[in-house]
Amino acid sequence: MDLHGFDEAMRDSKTGLTYAALTGQRKQSVQDAERMLSFLVSDFLEEKGYHQEASYVRIVAGASCSY
């Protein structure tokens, strides 16, 4: 698994992820964790060519869609 995709997703405002929470600059919330496993992150990863990572997020999030 290539974690660079998650790093890119964290820096993209369309994913809803917050850099401060994911880097430990502030305490993470349940909402932060939910965003990390969201369809927005999955779609972002898929668009950027991180297919395995996008599939992982969809599986863990319980999404039944396939690309």
PDB file of N, CA and C in Angstrom:
ATOM      1  N   MET A   1       0.848  -1.164   0.000  1.00  0.00           N
ATOM      2  CA  MET A   1       0.000   0.000   0.000  1.00  0.00           C
ATOM      3  C   MET A   1       0.899   1.232   0.000  1.00  0.00           C
ATOM      4  N   ASP A   2       0.555   2.183  -0.857  1.00  0.00           N
ATOM      5  CA  ASP A   2       1.319   3.420  -0.994  1.00  0.00           C
ATOM      6  C   ASP A   2       0.639   4.514  -0.175  1.00  0.00           C
ATOM      7  N   LEU A   3       1.268   4.903   0.901  1.00  0.00           N
ATOM      8  CA  LEU A   3       0.684   5.909   1.793  1.00  0.00           C
ATOM      9  C   LEU A   3       0.770   7.323   1.242  1.00  0.00           C
ATOM     10  N   HIS A   4       1.496   7.507   0.143  1.00  0.00           N
ATOM     11  CA  HIS A   4       1.578   8.836  -0.454  1.00  0.00           C
ATOM     12  C   HIS A   4       0.198   9.331  -0.892  1.00  0.00           C
ATOM     13  N   GLY A   5      -0.657   8.413  -1.304  1.00  0.00           N
ATOM     14  CA  GLY A   5      -2.011   8.795  -1.709  1.00  0.00           C
ATOM     15  C   GLY A   5      -2.794   9.417  -0.574  1.00  0.00           C
ATOM     16  N   PHE A   6      -2.628   8.874   0.623  1.00  0.00           N
ATOM     17  CA  PHE A   6      -3.325   9.443   1.781  1.00  0.00           C
ATOM     18  C   PHE A   6      -2.754  10.806   2.139  1.00  0.00           C
ATOM     19  N   ASP A   7      -1.446  10.963   1.950  1.00  0.00           N
ATOM     20  CA  ASP A   7      -0.813  12.261   2.187  1.00  0.00           C
ATOM     21  C   ASP A   7      -1.357  13.299   1.211  1.00  0.00           C
ATOM     22  N   GLU A   8      -1.487  12.916  -0.060  1.00  0.00           N
ATOM     23  CA  GLU A   8      -2.063  13.821  -1.057  1.00  0.00           C
ATOM     24  C   GLU A   8      -3.514  14.153  -0.715  1.00  0.00           C
ATOM     25  N   ALA A   9      -4.273  13.151  -0.302  1.00  0.00           N
ATOM     26  CA  ALA A   9      -5.680  13.366   0.046  1.00  0.00           C
ATOM     27  C   ALA A   9      -5.815  14.324   1.220  1.00  0.00           C
ATOM     28  N   MET A  10      -4.901  14.220   2.167  1.00  0.00           N
ATOM     29  CA  MET A  10      -4.941  15.082   3.347  1.00  0.00           C
ATOM     30  C   MET A  10      -4.751  16.549   2.964  1.00  0.00           C
ATOM     31  N   ARG A  11      -4.022  16.779   1.893  1.00  0.00           N
ATOM     32  CA  ARG A  11      -3.717  18.148   1.478  1.00  0.00           C
ATOM     33  C   ARG A  11      -4.728  18.715   0.484  1.00  0.00           C
ATOM     34  N   ASP A  12      -5.699  17.917   0.086  1.00  0.00           N
ATOM     35  CA  ASP A  12      -6.705  18.366  -0.875  1.00  0.00           C
ATOM     36  C   ASP A  12      -7.984  18.749  -0.138  1.00  0.00           C
ATOM     37  N   SER A  13      -8.430  19.960  -0.311  1.00  0.00           N
ATOM     38  CA  SER A  13      -9.595  20.464   0.435  1.00  0.00           C
ATOM     39  C   SER A  13     -10.888  19.739   0.085  1.00  0.00           C
ATOM     40  N   LYS A  14     -10.968  19.121  -1.085  1.00  0.00           N
ATOM     41  CA  LYS A  14     -12.196  18.437  -1.494  1.00  0.00           C
ATOM     42  C   LYS A  14     -12.465  17.165  -0.698  1.00  0.00           C
ATOM     43  N   THR A  15     -11.450  16.611  -0.036  1.00  0.00           N
ATOM     44  CA  THR A  15     -11.638  15.369   0.715  1.00  0.00           C
ATOM     45  C   THR A  15     -12.241  15.605   2.093  1.00  0.00           C
ATOM     46  N   GLY A  16     -12.180  16.823   2.591  1.00  0.00           N
ATOM     47  CA  GLY A  16     -12.719  17.133   3.911  1.00  0.00           C
ATOM     48  C   GLY A  16     -11.783  16.784   5.056  1.00  0.00           C
ATOM     49  N   LEU A  17     -10.583  16.283   4.740  1.00  0.00           N
ATOM     50  CA  LEU A  17      -9.629  15.934   5.791  1.00  0.00           C
ATOM     51  C   LEU A  17      -8.963  17.195   6.343  1.00  0.00           C
ATOM     52  N   THR A  18      -8.613  17.149   7.608  1.00  0.00           N
ATOM     53  CA  THR A  18      -7.955  18.300   8.225  1.00  0.00           C
ATOM     54  C   THR A  18      -6.516  17.950   8.560  1.00  0.00           C
ATOM     55  N   TYR A  19      -5.603  18.710   8.014  1.00  0.00           N
ATOM     56  CA  TYR A  19      -4.176  18.471   8.197  1.00  0.00           C
ATOM     57  C   TYR A  19      -3.796  18.492   9.672  1.00  0.00           C
ATOM     58  N   ALA A  20      -4.326  19.435  10.421  1.00  0.00           N
ATOM     59  CA  ALA A  20      -3.960  19.575  11.841  1.00  0.00           C
ATOM     60  C   ALA A  20      -4.314  18.320  12.639  1.00  0.00           C
ATOM     61  N   ALA A  21      -5.483  17.767  12.394  1.00  0.00           N
ATOM     62  CA  ALA A  21      -5.901  16.580  13.147  1.00  0.00           C
ATOM     63  C   ALA A  21      -5.093  15.348  12.742  1.00  0.00           C
ATOM     64  N   LEU A  22      -4.818  15.217  11.462  1.00  0.00           N
ATOM     65  CA  LEU A  22      -4.144  14.012  10.985  1.00  0.00           C
ATOM     66  C   LEU A  22      -2.646  14.010  11.252  1.00  0.00           C
ATOM     67  N   THR A  23      -2.088  15.162  11.577  1.00  0.00           N
ATOM     68  CA  THR A  23      -0.656  15.235  11.887  1.00  0.00           C
ATOM     69  C   THR A  23      -0.400  15.412  13.368  1.00  0.00           C
ATOM     70  N   GLY A  24      -1.453  15.381  14.183  1.00  0.00           N
ATOM     71  CA  GLY A  24      -1.290  15.457  15.627  1.00  0.00           C
ATOM     72  C   GLY A  24      -1.179  16.863  16.178  1.00  0.00           C
ATOM     73  N   GLN A  25      -1.418  17.865  15.356  1.00  0.00           N
ATOM     74  CA  GLN A  25      -1.357  19.244  15.836  1.00  0.00           C
ATOM     75  C   GLN A  25      -2.572  19.598  16.691  1.00  0.00           C
ATOM     76  N   ARG A  26      -3.631  18.846  16.540  1.00  0.00           N
ATOM     77  CA  ARG A  26      -4.784  18.958  17.434  1.00  0.00           C
ATOM     78  C   ARG A  26      -5.378  17.568  17.580  1.00  0.00           C
ATOM     79  N   LYS A  27      -6.170  17.375  18.605  1.00  0.00           N
ATOM     80  CA  LYS A  27      -6.755  16.074  18.889  1.00  0.00           C
ATOM     81  C   LYS A  27      -7.716  15.657  17.769  1.00  0.00           C
ATOM     82  N   GLN A  28      -7.640  14.385  17.384  1.00  0.00           N
ATOM     83  CA  GLN A  28      -8.549  13.870  16.370  1.00  0.00           C
ATOM     84  C   GLN A  28      -9.928  13.640  16.964  1.00  0.00           C
ATOM     85  N   SER A  29     -10.931  13.785  16.129  1.00  0.00           N
ATOM     86  CA  SER A  29     -12.308  13.535  16.545  1.00  0.00           C
ATOM     87  C   SER A  29     -12.847  12.336  15.768  1.00  0.00           C
ATOM     88  N   VAL A  30     -13.996  11.875  16.163  1.00  0.00           N
ATOM     89  CA  VAL A  30     -14.657  10.790  15.425  1.00  0.00           C
ATOM     90  C   VAL A  30     -14.928  11.248  13.997  1.00  0.00           C
ATOM     91  N   GLN A  31     -15.297  12.489  13.863  1.00  0.00           N
ATOM     92  CA  GLN A  31     -15.574  13.038  12.523  1.00  0.00           C
ATOM     93  C   GLN A  31     -14.325  12.971  11.639  1.00  0.00           C
ATOM     94  N   ASP A  32     -13.151  13.247  12.201  1.00  0.00           N
ATOM     95  CA  ASP A  32     -11.902  13.144  11.438  1.00  0.00           C
ATOM     96  C   ASP A  32     -11.693  11.720  10.952  1.00  0.00           C
ATOM     97  N   ALA A  33     -11.918  10.749  11.821  1.00  0.00           N
ATOM     98  CA  ALA A  33     -11.743   9.339  11.463  1.00  0.00           C
ATOM     99  C   ALA A  33     -12.744   8.933  10.382  1.00  0.00           C
ATOM    100  N   GLU A  34     -13.963   9.404  10.495  1.00  0.00           N
ATOM    101  CA  GLU A  34     -14.981   9.088   9.494  1.00  0.00           C
ATOM    102  C   GLU A  34     -14.611   9.668   8.140  1.00  0.00           C
ATOM    103  N   ARG A  35     -14.054  10.849   8.136  1.00  0.00           N
ATOM    104  CA  ARG A  35     -13.643  11.474   6.870  1.00  0.00           C
ATOM    105  C   ARG A  35     -12.533  10.685   6.196  1.00  0.00           C
ATOM    106  N   MET A  36     -11.612  10.132   6.987  1.00  0.00           N
ATOM    107  CA  MET A  36     -10.495   9.382   6.416  1.00  0.00           C
ATOM    108  C   MET A  36     -10.998   8.163   5.658  1.00  0.00           C
ATOM    109  N   LEU A  37     -12.123   7.625   6.067  1.00  0.00           N
ATOM    110  CA  LEU A  37     -12.703   6.452   5.422  1.00  0.00           C
ATOM    111  C   LEU A  37     -13.985   6.818   4.685  1.00  0.00           C
ATOM    112  N   SER A  38     -13.952   7.921   3.962  1.00  0.00           N
ATOM    113  CA  SER A  38     -15.147   8.407   3.276  1.00  0.00           C
ATOM    114  C   SER A  38     -15.057   8.164   1.774  1.00  0.00           C
ATOM    115  N   PHE A  39     -16.202   8.267   1.119  1.00  0.00           N
ATOM    116  CA  PHE A  39     -16.233   8.127  -0.330  1.00  0.00           C
ATOM    117  C   PHE A  39     -15.447   9.243  -1.001  1.00  0.00           C
ATOM    118  N   LEU A  40     -15.343  10.420  -0.359  1.00  0.00           N
ATOM    119  CA  LEU A  40     -14.568  11.517  -0.932  1.00  0.00           C
ATOM    120  C   LEU A  40     -13.088  11.148  -1.022  1.00  0.00           C
ATOM    121  N   VAL A  41     -12.564  10.521   0.009  1.00  0.00           N
ATOM    122  CA  VAL A  41     -11.164  10.085   0.006  1.00  0.00           C
ATOM    123  C   VAL A  41     -10.994   8.945  -0.997  1.00  0.00           C
ATOM    124  N   SER A  42     -11.919   8.009  -1.008  1.00  0.00           N
ATOM    125  CA  SER A  42     -11.858   6.895  -1.949  1.00  0.00           C
ATOM    126  C   SER A  42     -11.866   7.400  -3.391  1.00  0.00           C
ATOM    127  N   ASP A  43     -12.759   8.322  -3.693  1.00  0.00           N
ATOM    128  CA  ASP A  43     -12.830   8.888  -5.039  1.00  0.00           C
ATOM    129  C   ASP A  43     -11.549   9.624  -5.400  1.00  0.00           C
ATOM    130  N   PHE A  44     -11.010  10.392  -4.453  1.00  0.00           N
ATOM    131  CA  PHE A  44      -9.772  11.118  -4.681  1.00  0.00           C
ATOM    132  C   PHE A  44      -8.645  10.146  -5.014  1.00  0.00           C
ATOM    133  N   LEU A  45      -8.502   9.101  -4.204  1.00  0.00           N
ATOM    134  CA  LEU A  45      -7.441   8.127  -4.428  1.00  0.00           C
ATOM    135  C   LEU A  45      -7.591   7.440  -5.782  1.00  0.00           C
ATOM    136  N   GLU A  46      -8.811   7.098  -6.133  1.00  0.00           N
ATOM    137  CA  GLU A  46      -9.077   6.455  -7.424  1.00  0.00           C
ATOM    138  C   GLU A  46      -8.680   7.384  -8.573  1.00  0.00           C
ATOM    139  N   GLU A  47      -9.079   8.646  -8.487  1.00  0.00           N
ATOM    140  CA  GLU A  47      -8.766   9.627  -9.535  1.00  0.00           C
ATOM    141  C   GLU A  47      -7.265   9.834  -9.702  1.00  0.00           C
ATOM    142  N   LYS A  48      -6.525   9.721  -8.617  1.00  0.00           N
ATOM    143  CA  LYS A  48      -5.078   9.942  -8.653  1.00  0.00           C
ATOM    144  C   LYS A  48      -4.297   8.675  -8.995  1.00  0.00           C
ATOM    145  N   GLY A  49      -5.004   7.578  -9.230  1.00  0.00           N
ATOM    146  CA  GLY A  49      -4.340   6.342  -9.631  1.00  0.00           C
ATOM    147  C   GLY A  49      -3.946   5.421  -8.488  1.00  0.00           C
ATOM    148  N   TYR A  50      -4.398   5.710  -7.291  1.00  0.00           N
ATOM    149  CA  TYR A  50      -4.123   4.857  -6.130  1.00  0.00           C
ATOM    150  C   TYR A  50      -5.276   3.858  -5.985  1.00  0.00           C
ATOM    151  N   HIS A  51      -5.353   2.931  -6.916  1.00  0.00           N
ATOM    152  CA  HIS A  51      -6.499   2.016  -6.990  1.00  0.00           C
ATOM    153  C   HIS A  51      -6.579   1.072  -5.792  1.00  0.00           C
ATOM    154  N   GLN A  52      -5.456   0.505  -5.389  1.00  0.00           N
ATOM    155  CA  GLN A  52      -5.449  -0.416  -4.243  1.00  0.00           C
ATOM    156  C   GLN A  52      -5.868   0.317  -2.969  1.00  0.00           C
ATOM    157  N   GLU A  53      -5.386   1.534  -2.787  1.00  0.00           N
ATOM    158  CA  GLU A  53      -5.705   2.314  -1.599  1.00  0.00           C
ATOM    159  C   GLU A  53      -7.180   2.713  -1.596  1.00  0.00           C
ATOM    160  N   ALA A  54      -7.702   3.082  -2.763  1.00  0.00           N
ATOM    161  CA  ALA A  54      -9.122   3.436  -2.874  1.00  0.00           C
ATOM    162  C   ALA A  54      -9.998   2.233  -2.543  1.00  0.00           C
ATOM    163  N   SER A  55      -9.598   1.063  -3.030  1.00  0.00           N
ATOM    164  CA  SER A  55     -10.343  -0.154  -2.736  1.00  0.00           C
ATOM    165  C   SER A  55     -10.331  -0.442  -1.239  1.00  0.00           C
ATOM    166  N   TYR A  56      -9.183  -0.265  -0.603  1.00  0.00           N
ATOM    167  CA  TYR A  56      -9.067  -0.482   0.846  1.00  0.00           C
ATOM    168  C   TYR A  56     -10.029   0.431   1.601  1.00  0.00           C
ATOM    169  N   VAL A  57     -10.058   1.716   1.246  1.00  0.00           N
ATOM    170  CA  VAL A  57     -10.944   2.660   1.937  1.00  0.00           C
ATOM    171  C   VAL A  57     -12.396   2.250   1.748  1.00  0.00           C
ATOM    172  N   ARG A  58     -12.758   1.855   0.527  1.00  0.00           N
ATOM    173  CA  ARG A  58     -14.150   1.426   0.280  1.00  0.00           C
ATOM    174  C   ARG A  58     -14.505   0.200   1.099  1.00  0.00           C
ATOM    175  N   ILE A  59     -13.589  -0.765   1.178  1.00  0.00           N
ATOM    176  CA  ILE A  59     -13.866  -1.995   1.943  1.00  0.00           C
ATOM    177  C   ILE A  59     -14.021  -1.685   3.428  1.00  0.00           C
ATOM    178  N   VAL A  60     -13.092  -0.942   3.985  1.00  0.00           N
ATOM    179  CA  VAL A  60     -13.143  -0.622   5.410  1.00  0.00           C
ATOM    180  C   VAL A  60     -14.357   0.230   5.744  1.00  0.00           C
ATOM    181  N   ALA A  61     -14.713   1.124   4.833  1.00  0.00           N
ATOM    182  CA  ALA A  61     -15.863   1.993   5.063  1.00  0.00           C
ATOM    183  C   ALA A  61     -17.186   1.257   4.846  1.00  0.00           C
ATOM    184  N   GLY A  62     -17.116   0.067   4.245  1.00  0.00           N
ATOM    185  CA  GLY A  62     -18.333  -0.712   4.028  1.00  0.00           C
ATOM    186  C   GLY A  62     -19.086  -0.322   2.782  1.00  0.00           C
ATOM    187  N   ALA A  63     -18.420   0.368   1.883  1.00  0.00           N
ATOM    188  CA  ALA A  63     -19.076   0.777   0.634  1.00  0.00           C
ATOM    189  C   ALA A  63     -19.206  -0.424  -0.298  1.00  0.00           C
ATOM    190  N   SER A  64     -20.294  -0.479  -1.004  1.00  0.00           N
ATOM    191  CA  SER A  64     -20.508  -1.613  -1.896  1.00  0.00           C
ATOM    192  C   SER A  64     -20.299  -1.243  -3.359  1.00  0.00           C
ATOM    193  N   CYS A  65     -19.807  -0.041  -3.618  1.00  0.00           N
ATOM    194  CA  CYS A  65     -19.606   0.353  -5.014  1.00  0.00           C
ATOM    195  C   CYS A  65     -18.309  -0.248  -5.533  1.00  0.00           C
ATOM    196  N   SER A  66     -18.240  -0.469  -6.831  1.00  0.00           N
ATOM    197  CA  SER A  66     -17.014  -0.972  -7.448  1.00  0.00           C
ATOM    198  C   SER A  66     -16.678  -0.100  -8.642  1.00  0.00           C
ATOM    199  N   TYR A  67     -15.408   0.032  -8.889  1.00  0.00           N
ATOM    200  CA  TYR A  67     -14.955   0.870 -10.013  1.00  0.00           C
ATOM    201  C   TYR A  67     -14.341   0.014 -11.075  1.00  0.00           C
TER     202      TYR A  67
END
